[in-house]
Amino acid sequence: MSCPAELKGFLPAPAASLPFLSFLVASETDPYLPMDLAAKLAQSWQAQVVNVGRQGHINVASGHGPWPKGEQLPSALWRR
């Protein structure tokens, strides 16, 4: 499977459980990380998936600015 050049620096992705509590924030329309792959990664990492809907690729370059809900995620993680 070919990989977009933008992702080369993120590979290889860890396949084992992460040694800390974690979330994987995913968008239903991210061209780089389909939801089915996000779910598989989260399962292998023992991370909780946070589906943010149809947001495309989530980064500043794609037009995402302040994200109050995202800022609340760490608090939710600690309550878990």
PDB file of N, CA and C in Angstrom:
ATOM      1  N   MET A   1       0.844  -1.178   0.000  1.00  0.00           N
ATOM      2  CA  MET A   1       0.000   0.000   0.000  1.00  0.00           C
ATOM      3  C   MET A   1       0.890   1.242   0.000  1.00  0.00           C
ATOM      4  N   SER A   2       0.634   2.163  -0.926  1.00  0.00           N
ATOM      5  CA  SER A   2       1.449   3.371  -0.994  1.00  0.00           C
ATOM      6  C   SER A   2       1.020   4.358   0.087  1.00  0.00           C
ATOM      7  N   CYS A   3       1.943   5.204   0.430  1.00  0.00           N
ATOM      8  CA  CYS A   3       1.715   6.154   1.519  1.00  0.00           C
ATOM      9  C   CYS A   3       1.927   7.568   0.991  1.00  0.00           C
ATOM     10  N   PRO A   4       1.001   8.498   1.281  1.00  0.00           N
ATOM     11  CA  PRO A   4       1.227   9.887   0.864  1.00  0.00           C
ATOM     12  C   PRO A   4       2.519  10.428   1.478  1.00  0.00           C
ATOM     13  N   ALA A   5       3.236  11.236   0.738  1.00  0.00           N
ATOM     14  CA  ALA A   5       4.506  11.796   1.208  1.00  0.00           C
ATOM     15  C   ALA A   5       4.352  12.512   2.545  1.00  0.00           C
ATOM     16  N   GLU A   6       3.190  13.138   2.767  1.00  0.00           N
ATOM     17  CA  GLU A   6       2.955  13.880   4.014  1.00  0.00           C
ATOM     18  C   GLU A   6       2.984  12.978   5.244  1.00  0.00           C
ATOM     19  N   LEU A   7       2.787  11.690   5.058  1.00  0.00           N
ATOM     20  CA  LEU A   7       2.719  10.763   6.194  1.00  0.00           C
ATOM     21  C   LEU A   7       4.027  10.035   6.480  1.00  0.00           C
ATOM     22  N   LYS A   8       4.985  10.113   5.591  1.00  0.00           N
ATOM     23  CA  LYS A   8       6.226   9.337   5.733  1.00  0.00           C
ATOM     24  C   LYS A   8       6.905   9.564   7.084  1.00  0.00           C
ATOM     25  N   GLY A   9       6.865  10.779   7.614  1.00  0.00           N
ATOM     26  CA  GLY A   9       7.502  11.078   8.892  1.00  0.00           C
ATOM     27  C   GLY A   9       6.791  10.467  10.092  1.00  0.00           C
ATOM     28  N   PHE A  10       5.576   9.951   9.892  1.00  0.00           N
ATOM     29  CA  PHE A  10       4.803   9.372  10.989  1.00  0.00           C
ATOM     30  C   PHE A  10       4.911   7.851  11.026  1.00  0.00           C
ATOM     31  N   LEU A  11       5.629   7.285  10.067  1.00  0.00           N
ATOM     32  CA  LEU A  11       5.714   5.829   9.961  1.00  0.00           C
ATOM     33  C   LEU A  11       7.067   5.309  10.426  1.00  0.00           C
ATOM     34  N   PRO A  12       7.143   4.135  10.947  1.00  0.00           N
ATOM     35  CA  PRO A  12       6.016   3.241  11.192  1.00  0.00           C
ATOM     36  C   PRO A  12       5.255   3.653  12.449  1.00  0.00           C
ATOM     37  N   ALA A  13       3.952   3.492  12.416  1.00  0.00           N
ATOM     38  CA  ALA A  13       3.124   3.789  13.588  1.00  0.00           C
ATOM     39  C   ALA A  13       3.288   2.656  14.591  1.00  0.00           C
ATOM     40  N   PRO A  14       3.337   2.982  15.877  1.00  0.00           N
ATOM     41  CA  PRO A  14       3.457   1.908  16.867  1.00  0.00           C
ATOM     42  C   PRO A  14       2.261   0.957  16.770  1.00  0.00           C
ATOM     43  N   ALA A  15       2.509  -0.314  17.009  1.00  0.00           N
ATOM     44  CA  ALA A  15       1.440  -1.301  16.931  1.00  0.00           C
ATOM     45  C   ALA A  15       1.076  -1.859  18.301  1.00  0.00           C
ATOM     46  N   ALA A  16       1.846  -1.516  19.321  1.00  0.00           N
ATOM     47  CA  ALA A  16       1.615  -2.052  20.658  1.00  0.00           C
ATOM     48  C   ALA A  16       0.834  -1.058  21.512  1.00  0.00           C
ATOM     49  N   SER A  17       0.321  -1.557  22.603  1.00  0.00           N
ATOM     50  CA  SER A  17      -0.404  -0.726  23.563  1.00  0.00           C
ATOM     51  C   SER A  17       0.491   0.424  24.032  1.00  0.00           C
ATOM     52  N   LEU A  18      -0.080   1.613  24.086  1.00  0.00           N
ATOM     53  CA  LEU A  18       0.681   2.764  24.579  1.00  0.00           C
ATOM     54  C   LEU A  18       0.769   2.692  26.107  1.00  0.00           C
ATOM     55  N   PRO A  19       1.873   3.136  26.678  1.00  0.00           N
ATOM     56  CA  PRO A  19       2.046   3.026  28.131  1.00  0.00           C
ATOM     57  C   PRO A  19       1.388   4.163  28.922  1.00  0.00           C
ATOM     58  N   PHE A  20       0.370   4.804  28.340  1.00  0.00           N
ATOM     59  CA  PHE A  20      -0.331   5.909  28.987  1.00  0.00           C
ATOM     60  C   PHE A  20      -1.754   5.976  28.438  1.00  0.00           C
ATOM     61  N   LEU A  21      -2.657   6.618  29.157  1.00  0.00           N
ATOM     62  CA  LEU A  21      -4.018   6.821  28.675  1.00  0.00           C
ATOM     63  C   LEU A  21      -3.975   7.708  27.440  1.00  0.00           C
ATOM     64  N   SER A  22      -4.830   7.408  26.471  1.00  0.00           N
ATOM     65  CA  SER A  22      -4.774   8.197  25.242  1.00  0.00           C
ATOM     66  C   SER A  22      -6.111   8.213  24.499  1.00  0.00           C
ATOM     67  N   PHE A  23      -6.257   9.242  23.667  1.00  0.00           N
ATOM     68  CA  PHE A  23      -7.356   9.399  22.725  1.00  0.00           C
ATOM     69  C   PHE A  23      -6.757   9.391  21.330  1.00  0.00           C
ATOM     70  N   LEU A  24      -7.510   8.904  20.366  1.00  0.00           N
ATOM     71  CA  LEU A  24      -7.167   9.088  18.970  1.00  0.00           C
ATOM     72  C   LEU A  24      -8.322   9.895  18.379  1.00  0.00           C
ATOM     73  N   VAL A  25      -8.060  11.129  18.052  1.00  0.00           N
ATOM     74  CA  VAL A  25      -9.081  12.019  17.500  1.00  0.00           C
ATOM     75  C   VAL A  25      -9.086  11.817  15.990  1.00  0.00           C
ATOM     76  N   ALA A  26     -10.250  11.439  15.448  1.00  0.00           N
ATOM     77  CA  ALA A  26     -10.330  11.107  14.030  1.00  0.00           C
ATOM     78  C   ALA A  26     -11.543  11.763  13.378  1.00  0.00           C
ATOM     79  N   SER A  27     -11.382  12.072  12.105  1.00  0.00           N
ATOM     80  CA  SER A  27     -12.442  12.666  11.297  1.00  0.00           C
ATOM     81  C   SER A  27     -12.935  11.642  10.285  1.00  0.00           C
ATOM     82  N   GLU A  28     -14.221  11.638  10.027  1.00  0.00           N
ATOM     83  CA  GLU A  28     -14.810  10.702   9.064  1.00  0.00           C
ATOM     84  C   GLU A  28     -14.360  10.967   7.629  1.00  0.00           C
ATOM     85  N   THR A  29     -13.825  12.163   7.355  1.00  0.00           N
ATOM     86  CA  THR A  29     -13.426  12.517   5.996  1.00  0.00           C
ATOM     87  C   THR A  29     -11.944  12.854   5.887  1.00  0.00           C
ATOM     88  N   ASP A  30     -11.134  12.352   6.793  1.00  0.00           N
ATOM     89  CA  ASP A  30      -9.685  12.581   6.721  1.00  0.00           C
ATOM     90  C   ASP A  30      -9.115  11.745   5.580  1.00  0.00           C
ATOM     91  N   PRO A  31      -8.495  12.382   4.579  1.00  0.00           N
ATOM     92  CA  PRO A  31      -7.966  11.612   3.449  1.00  0.00           C
ATOM     93  C   PRO A  31      -6.751  10.767   3.816  1.00  0.00           C
ATOM     94  N   TYR A  32      -6.131  11.028   4.949  1.00  0.00           N
ATOM     95  CA  TYR A  32      -4.922  10.310   5.339  1.00  0.00           C
ATOM     96  C   TYR A  32      -5.178   9.176   6.328  1.00  0.00           C
ATOM     97  N   LEU A  33      -6.274   9.245   7.081  1.00  0.00           N
ATOM     98  CA  LEU A  33      -6.546   8.220   8.090  1.00  0.00           C
ATOM     99  C   LEU A  33      -8.035   7.874   8.083  1.00  0.00           C
ATOM    100  N   PRO A  34      -8.422   6.886   7.273  1.00  0.00           N
ATOM    101  CA  PRO A  34      -9.827   6.469   7.261  1.00  0.00           C
ATOM    102  C   PRO A  34     -10.260   5.980   8.642  1.00  0.00           C
ATOM    103  N   MET A  35     -11.542   6.114   8.939  1.00  0.00           N
ATOM    104  CA  MET A  35     -12.048   5.738  10.266  1.00  0.00           C
ATOM    105  C   MET A  35     -11.783   4.281  10.609  1.00  0.00           C
ATOM    106  N   ASP A  36     -11.856   3.372   9.631  1.00  0.00           N
ATOM    107  CA  ASP A  36     -11.603   1.966   9.948  1.00  0.00           C
ATOM    108  C   ASP A  36     -10.160   1.751  10.402  1.00  0.00           C
ATOM    109  N   LEU A  37      -9.221   2.458   9.784  1.00  0.00           N
ATOM    110  CA  LEU A  37      -7.828   2.357  10.207  1.00  0.00           C
ATOM    111  C   LEU A  37      -7.626   3.040  11.560  1.00  0.00           C
ATOM    112  N   ALA A  38      -8.288   4.173  11.771  1.00  0.00           N
ATOM    113  CA  ALA A  38      -8.199   4.856  13.072  1.00  0.00           C
ATOM    114  C   ALA A  38      -8.680   3.932  14.184  1.00  0.00           C
ATOM    115  N   ALA A  39      -9.773   3.227  13.933  1.00  0.00           N
ATOM    116  CA  ALA A  39     -10.307   2.298  14.938  1.00  0.00           C
ATOM    117  C   ALA A  39      -9.326   1.164  15.221  1.00  0.00           C
ATOM    118  N   LYS A  40      -8.679   0.642  14.185  1.00  0.00           N
ATOM    119  CA  LYS A  40      -7.694  -0.433  14.372  1.00  0.00           C
ATOM    120  C   LYS A  40      -6.491   0.061  15.160  1.00  0.00           C
ATOM    121  N   LEU A  41      -5.996   1.251  14.828  1.00  0.00           N
ATOM    122  CA  LEU A  41      -4.869   1.817  15.572  1.00  0.00           C
ATOM    123  C   LEU A  41      -5.245   2.035  17.035  1.00  0.00           C
ATOM    124  N   ALA A  42      -6.402   2.622  17.256  1.00  0.00           N
ATOM    125  CA  ALA A  42      -6.848   2.888  18.625  1.00  0.00           C
ATOM    126  C   ALA A  42      -6.965   1.591  19.413  1.00  0.00           C
ATOM    127  N   GLN A  43      -7.480   0.565  18.785  1.00  0.00           N
ATOM    128  CA  GLN A  43      -7.609  -0.719  19.479  1.00  0.00           C
ATOM    129  C   GLN A  43      -6.232  -1.264  19.851  1.00  0.00           C
ATOM    130  N   SER A  44      -5.281  -1.207  18.931  1.00  0.00           N
ATOM    131  CA  SER A  44      -3.948  -1.731  19.240  1.00  0.00           C
ATOM    132  C   SER A  44      -3.244  -0.878  20.291  1.00  0.00           C
ATOM    133  N   TRP A  45      -3.545   0.406  20.318  1.00  0.00           N
ATOM    134  CA  TRP A  45      -2.936   1.302  21.318  1.00  0.00           C
ATOM    135  C   TRP A  45      -3.695   1.305  22.635  1.00  0.00           C
ATOM    136  N   GLN A  46      -4.876   0.678  22.670  1.00  0.00           N
ATOM    137  CA  GLN A  46      -5.789   0.747  23.811  1.00  0.00           C
ATOM    138  C   GLN A  46      -6.177   2.203  24.085  1.00  0.00           C
ATOM    139  N   ALA A  47      -6.433   2.931  23.001  1.00  0.00           N
ATOM    140  CA  ALA A  47      -6.839   4.333  23.073  1.00  0.00           C
ATOM    141  C   ALA A  47      -8.326   4.429  22.767  1.00  0.00           C
ATOM    142  N   GLN A  48      -8.946   5.464  23.255  1.00  0.00           N
ATOM    143  CA  GLN A  48     -10.354   5.727  22.966  1.00  0.00           C
ATOM    144  C   GLN A  48     -10.440   6.562  21.695  1.00  0.00           C
ATOM    145  N   VAL A  49     -11.297   6.169  20.757  1.00  0.00           N
ATOM    146  CA  VAL A  49     -11.497   6.945  19.535  1.00  0.00           C
ATOM    147  C   VAL A  49     -12.479   8.069  19.826  1.00  0.00           C
ATOM    148  N   VAL A  50     -12.130   9.275  19.401  1.00  0.00           N
ATOM    149  CA  VAL A  50     -13.032  10.421  19.462  1.00  0.00           C
ATOM    150  C   VAL A  50     -13.336  10.791  18.017  1.00  0.00           C
ATOM    151  N   ASN A  51     -14.556  10.496  17.575  1.00  0.00           N
ATOM    152  CA  ASN A  51     -14.984  10.787  16.214  1.00  0.00           C
ATOM    153  C   ASN A  51     -15.526  12.214  16.190  1.00  0.00           C
ATOM    154  N   VAL A  52     -14.851  13.091  15.441  1.00  0.00           N
ATOM    155  CA  VAL A  52     -15.262  14.494  15.383  1.00  0.00           C
ATOM    156  C   VAL A  52     -16.121  14.796  14.148  1.00  0.00           C
ATOM    157  N   GLY A  53     -16.620  13.739  13.502  1.00  0.00           N
ATOM    158  CA  GLY A  53     -17.503  13.938  12.358  1.00  0.00           C
ATOM    159  C   GLY A  53     -16.743  14.197  11.075  1.00  0.00           C
ATOM    160  N   ARG A  54     -17.363  14.955  10.209  1.00  0.00           N
ATOM    161  CA  ARG A  54     -16.807  15.208   8.876  1.00  0.00           C
ATOM    162  C   ARG A  54     -15.996  16.512   8.888  1.00  0.00           C
ATOM    163  N   GLN A  55     -14.758  16.409   9.364  1.00  0.00           N
ATOM    164  CA  GLN A  55     -13.903  17.588   9.517  1.00  0.00           C
ATOM    165  C   GLN A  55     -12.711  17.598   8.561  1.00  0.00           C
ATOM    166  N   GLY A  56     -12.589  16.603   7.683  1.00  0.00           N
ATOM    167  CA  GLY A  56     -11.411  16.532   6.823  1.00  0.00           C
ATOM    168  C   GLY A  56     -10.186  16.228   7.664  1.00  0.00           C
ATOM    169  N   HIS A  57      -9.022  16.618   7.173  1.00  0.00           N
ATOM    170  CA  HIS A  57      -7.786  16.419   7.930  1.00  0.00           C
ATOM    171  C   HIS A  57      -7.694  17.535   8.968  1.00  0.00           C
ATOM    172  N   ILE A  58      -7.507  17.183  10.210  1.00  0.00           N
ATOM    173  CA  ILE A  58      -7.564  18.159  11.299  1.00  0.00           C
ATOM    174  C   ILE A  58      -6.177  18.746  11.553  1.00  0.00           C
ATOM    175  N   ASN A  59      -5.980  19.962  11.077  1.00  0.00           N
ATOM    176  CA  ASN A  59      -4.751  20.705  11.367  1.00  0.00           C
ATOM    177  C   ASN A  59      -4.980  22.180  11.022  1.00  0.00           C
ATOM    178  N   VAL A  60      -4.069  23.022  11.407  1.00  0.00           N
ATOM    179  CA  VAL A  60      -4.210  24.460  11.166  1.00  0.00           C
ATOM    180  C   VAL A  60      -4.202  24.763   9.670  1.00  0.00           C
ATOM    181  N   ALA A  61      -3.376  24.048   8.905  1.00  0.00           N
ATOM    182  CA  ALA A  61      -3.274  24.303   7.463  1.00  0.00           C
ATOM    183  C   ALA A  61      -4.599  24.060   6.745  1.00  0.00           C
ATOM    184  N   SER A  62      -5.453  23.211   7.295  1.00  0.00           N
ATOM    185  CA  SER A  62      -6.740  22.943   6.650  1.00  0.00           C
ATOM    186  C   SER A  62      -7.838  23.873   7.150  1.00  0.00           C
ATOM    187  N   GLY A  63      -7.454  24.902   7.894  1.00  0.00           N
ATOM    188  CA  GLY A  63      -8.413  25.916   8.297  1.00  0.00           C
ATOM    189  C   GLY A  63      -9.002  25.755   9.684  1.00  0.00           C
ATOM    190  N   HIS A  64      -8.533  24.799  10.433  1.00  0.00           N
ATOM    191  CA  HIS A  64      -9.038  24.627  11.798  1.00  0.00           C
ATOM    192  C   HIS A  64      -8.341  25.622  12.721  1.00  0.00           C
ATOM    193  N   GLY A  65      -9.138  26.346  13.441  1.00  0.00           N
ATOM    194  CA  GLY A  65      -8.610  27.323  14.388  1.00  0.00           C
ATOM    195  C   GLY A  65      -8.819  26.830  15.809  1.00  0.00           C
ATOM    196  N   PRO A  66      -9.185  27.714  16.711  1.00  0.00           N
ATOM    197  CA  PRO A  66      -9.430  27.319  18.098  1.00  0.00           C
ATOM    198  C   PRO A  66     -10.468  26.196  18.173  1.00  0.00           C
ATOM    199  N   TRP A  67     -10.253  25.274  19.095  1.00  0.00           N
ATOM    200  CA  TRP A  67     -11.126  24.112  19.213  1.00  0.00           C
ATOM    201  C   TRP A  67     -11.418  23.856  20.681  1.00  0.00           C
ATOM    202  N   PRO A  68     -12.448  24.537  21.230  1.00  0.00           N
ATOM    203  CA  PRO A  68     -12.765  24.404  22.654  1.00  0.00           C
ATOM    204  C   PRO A  68     -13.007  22.959  23.089  1.00  0.00           C
ATOM    205  N   LYS A  69     -13.713  22.161  22.266  1.00  0.00           N
ATOM    206  CA  LYS A  69     -13.957  20.771  22.635  1.00  0.00           C
ATOM    207  C   LYS A  69     -12.632  20.004  22.742  1.00  0.00           C
ATOM    208  N   GLY A  70     -11.733  20.253  21.827  1.00  0.00           N
ATOM    209  CA  GLY A  70     -10.420  19.604  21.867  1.00  0.00           C
ATOM    210  C   GLY A  70      -9.638  19.967  23.121  1.00  0.00           C
ATOM    211  N   GLU A  71      -9.799  21.206  23.545  1.00  0.00           N
ATOM    212  CA  GLU A  71      -9.115  21.638  24.765  1.00  0.00           C
ATOM    213  C   GLU A  71      -9.663  20.939  26.004  1.00  0.00           C
ATOM    214  N   GLN A  72     -10.900  20.435  25.920  1.00  0.00           N
ATOM    215  CA  GLN A  72     -11.508  19.730  27.048  1.00  0.00           C
ATOM    216  C   GLN A  72     -11.113  18.251  27.087  1.00  0.00           C
ATOM    217  N   LEU A  73     -10.586  17.712  26.005  1.00  0.00           N
ATOM    218  CA  LEU A  73     -10.264  16.293  25.951  1.00  0.00           C
ATOM    219  C   LEU A  73      -9.301  15.830  27.049  1.00  0.00           C
ATOM    220  N   PRO A  74      -8.233  16.556  27.356  1.00  0.00           N
ATOM    221  CA  PRO A  74      -7.366  16.075  28.435  1.00  0.00           C
ATOM    222  C   PRO A  74      -8.100  15.906  29.771  1.00  0.00           C
ATOM    223  N   SER A  75      -9.013  16.811  30.088  1.00  0.00           N
ATOM    224  CA  SER A  75      -9.781  16.679  31.332  1.00  0.00           C
ATOM    225  C   SER A  75     -10.623  15.410  31.309  1.00  0.00           C
ATOM    226  N   ALA A  76     -11.244  15.128  30.164  1.00  0.00           N
ATOM    227  CA  ALA A  76     -12.045  13.921  30.024  1.00  0.00           C
ATOM    228  C   ALA A  76     -11.179  12.679  30.162  1.00  0.00           C
ATOM    229  N   LEU A  77      -9.962  12.750  29.644  1.00  0.00           N
ATOM    230  CA  LEU A  77      -9.042  11.632  29.753  1.00  0.00           C
ATOM    231  C   LEU A  77      -8.714  11.317  31.212  1.00  0.00           C
ATOM    232  N   TRP A  78      -8.457  12.335  32.001  1.00  0.00           N
ATOM    233  CA  TRP A  78      -8.118  12.119  33.408  1.00  0.00           C
ATOM    234  C   TRP A  78      -9.313  11.608  34.216  1.00  0.00           C
ATOM    235  N   ARG A  79     -10.539  11.986  33.805  1.00  0.00           N
ATOM    236  CA  ARG A  79     -11.728  11.474  34.519  1.00  0.00           C
ATOM    237  C   ARG A  79     -11.947   9.997  34.241  1.00  0.00           C
ATOM    238  N   ARG A  80     -11.430   9.509  33.128  1.00  0.00           N
ATOM    239  CA  ARG A  80     -11.546   8.103  32.752  1.00  0.00           C
ATOM    240  C   ARG A  80     -10.848   7.264  33.717  1.00  0.00           C
TER     241      ARG A  80
END
